[in-house]
Amino acid sequence: MMLPEHVSLLRELESTHNRVKRPVLDMAQIEDMERVICEAMEFNSPVRFAVFKPLPFLNGADTGEIIQIEGHIHYINQIRKVFHVVDSKGDTNFIKFEAVFGVKMK
C-alpha cells in the first residue's frame, strides 16, 4: 500500500534522476556528427540520435533529459532545420538540429 505522497515523491525522484544540463558541443563534435549523418544518408544506414528534450515544468530551457531516437534519416529540411527520421515502427520523428547532441551509426 502506498500513500499518494509517496507516489508523488517517487515520480519526482525519477524525474530528477534523468535531469541534465544542456550539453555544449565544440566544432570537432559537430563535424563528426555531420560526417556520420552524411554516411548514413548515403548508405541508408540506421542511426541513433541523442536528443536533448527540455523539461517544460522547469524554469528555463537549460535543464532537461537526453532521449535516444533510432531510425533511418528520411529527409533533412534545411529551411526548418529539422531531421525527418523514420523509426522501426514506421513513424516519422522530427528532430531539430539544435536538439541533437550525438549521432551514431548502428
Protein backbone atom coordinates (compact mmCIF):
# COMPACT_ATOMS: atom_id res chain seq x y z
CA MET A 1 0.00 0.00 0.00
CA MET A 2 1.41 3.37 -1.00
CA LEU A 3 0.22 6.77 0.04
CA PRO A 4 -0.31 9.44 -2.63
CA GLU A 5 2.53 11.42 -1.07
CA HIS A 6 4.88 8.50 -1.60
CA VAL A 7 3.82 8.11 -5.22
CA SER A 8 4.41 11.79 -5.94
CA LEU A 9 7.82 11.68 -4.24
CA LEU A 10 8.82 8.61 -6.27
CA ARG A 11 7.76 10.33 -9.52
CA GLU A 12 9.70 13.45 -8.58
CA LEU A 13 12.75 11.35 -7.74
CA GLU A 14 12.54 9.60 -11.10
CA SER A 15 12.23 12.88 -12.99
CA THR A 16 15.18 14.46 -11.15
CA HIS A 17 17.28 11.35 -11.77
CA ASN A 18 17.20 11.89 -15.54
CA ARG A 19 17.81 15.66 -15.47
CA VAL A 20 20.90 17.02 -17.18
CA LYS A 21 22.17 20.42 -18.19
CA ARG A 22 22.04 21.26 -21.90
CA PRO A 23 25.30 19.94 -23.40
CA VAL A 24 27.55 22.30 -25.33
CA LEU A 25 29.23 20.95 -28.47
CA ASP A 26 32.53 22.06 -29.95
CA MET A 27 33.26 22.24 -33.68
CA ALA A 28 35.01 18.83 -33.77
CA GLN A 29 31.93 17.10 -32.33
CA ILE A 30 29.66 18.87 -34.82
CA GLU A 31 31.91 17.86 -37.74
CA ASP A 32 31.89 14.22 -36.55
CA MET A 33 28.10 14.23 -36.37
CA GLU A 34 27.86 15.75 -39.86
CA ARG A 35 30.14 13.03 -41.23
CA VAL A 36 28.05 10.27 -39.62
CA ILE A 37 24.83 11.82 -40.93
CA CYS A 38 26.22 12.08 -44.48
CA GLU A 39 27.38 8.45 -44.43
CA ALA A 40 24.05 7.27 -43.02
CA MET A 41 22.15 9.13 -45.74
CA GLU A 42 24.43 7.82 -48.49
CA PHE A 43 24.18 4.15 -47.45
CA ASN A 44 20.67 4.31 -45.88
CA SER A 45 22.09 3.09 -42.58
CA PRO A 46 20.15 3.25 -39.33
CA VAL A 47 21.38 5.81 -36.81
CA ARG A 48 20.83 6.59 -33.14
CA PHE A 49 20.31 10.24 -32.24
CA ALA A 50 20.95 11.53 -28.72
CA VAL A 51 18.43 14.36 -28.41
CA PHE A 52 18.11 16.94 -25.64
CA LYS A 53 14.50 17.33 -24.54
CA PRO A 54 13.86 20.31 -22.24
CA LEU A 55 11.54 19.64 -19.34
CA PRO A 56 8.59 22.05 -19.59
CA PHE A 57 7.85 22.32 -15.87
CA LEU A 58 11.32 23.64 -15.01
CA ASN A 59 12.42 27.25 -15.21
CA GLY A 60 14.47 27.88 -18.33
CA ALA A 61 15.28 25.51 -21.15
CA ASP A 62 18.78 24.60 -19.92
CA THR A 63 17.63 21.58 -17.90
CA GLY A 64 16.11 18.51 -19.45
CA GLU A 65 16.82 14.94 -20.37
CA ILE A 66 18.65 13.13 -23.15
CA ILE A 67 16.48 10.71 -25.12
CA GLN A 68 17.55 8.23 -27.80
CA ILE A 69 15.78 8.07 -31.17
CA GLU A 70 16.73 5.32 -33.61
CA GLY A 71 15.86 5.05 -37.26
CA HIS A 72 16.72 5.96 -40.84
CA ILE A 73 17.19 9.57 -41.88
CA HIS A 74 14.47 10.08 -44.47
CA TYR A 75 14.90 13.78 -45.17
CA ILE A 76 16.78 16.84 -43.94
CA ASN A 77 14.71 20.02 -44.02
CA GLN A 78 17.29 22.81 -44.31
CA ILE A 79 14.71 25.59 -44.11
CA ARG A 80 13.03 24.44 -40.89
CA LYS A 81 16.33 22.92 -39.62
CA VAL A 82 14.74 19.55 -38.87
CA PHE A 83 15.70 15.91 -39.48
CA HIS A 84 12.91 13.57 -40.55
CA VAL A 85 13.79 10.20 -39.00
CA VAL A 86 11.67 7.11 -39.67
CA ASP A 87 11.84 4.61 -36.80
CA SER A 88 11.30 0.84 -36.87
CA LYS A 89 7.53 1.28 -36.37
CA GLY A 90 7.30 3.44 -39.48
CA ASP A 91 6.63 6.63 -37.50
CA THR A 92 8.37 9.84 -38.57
CA ASN A 93 10.18 11.75 -35.82
CA PHE A 94 11.01 15.41 -36.39
CA ILE A 95 14.29 16.31 -34.66
CA LYS A 96 15.51 19.90 -34.53
CA PHE A 97 19.15 20.47 -35.41
CA GLU A 98 19.89 22.31 -32.15
CA ALA A 99 18.45 19.44 -30.06
CA VAL A 100 20.91 16.83 -31.42
CA PHE A 101 23.89 16.11 -29.18
CA GLY A 102 25.11 12.83 -30.57
CA VAL A 103 24.73 10.63 -33.65
CA LYS A 104 25.98 7.05 -34.04
CA MET A 105 25.51 4.56 -36.82
CA LYS A 106 24.05 1.28 -35.69
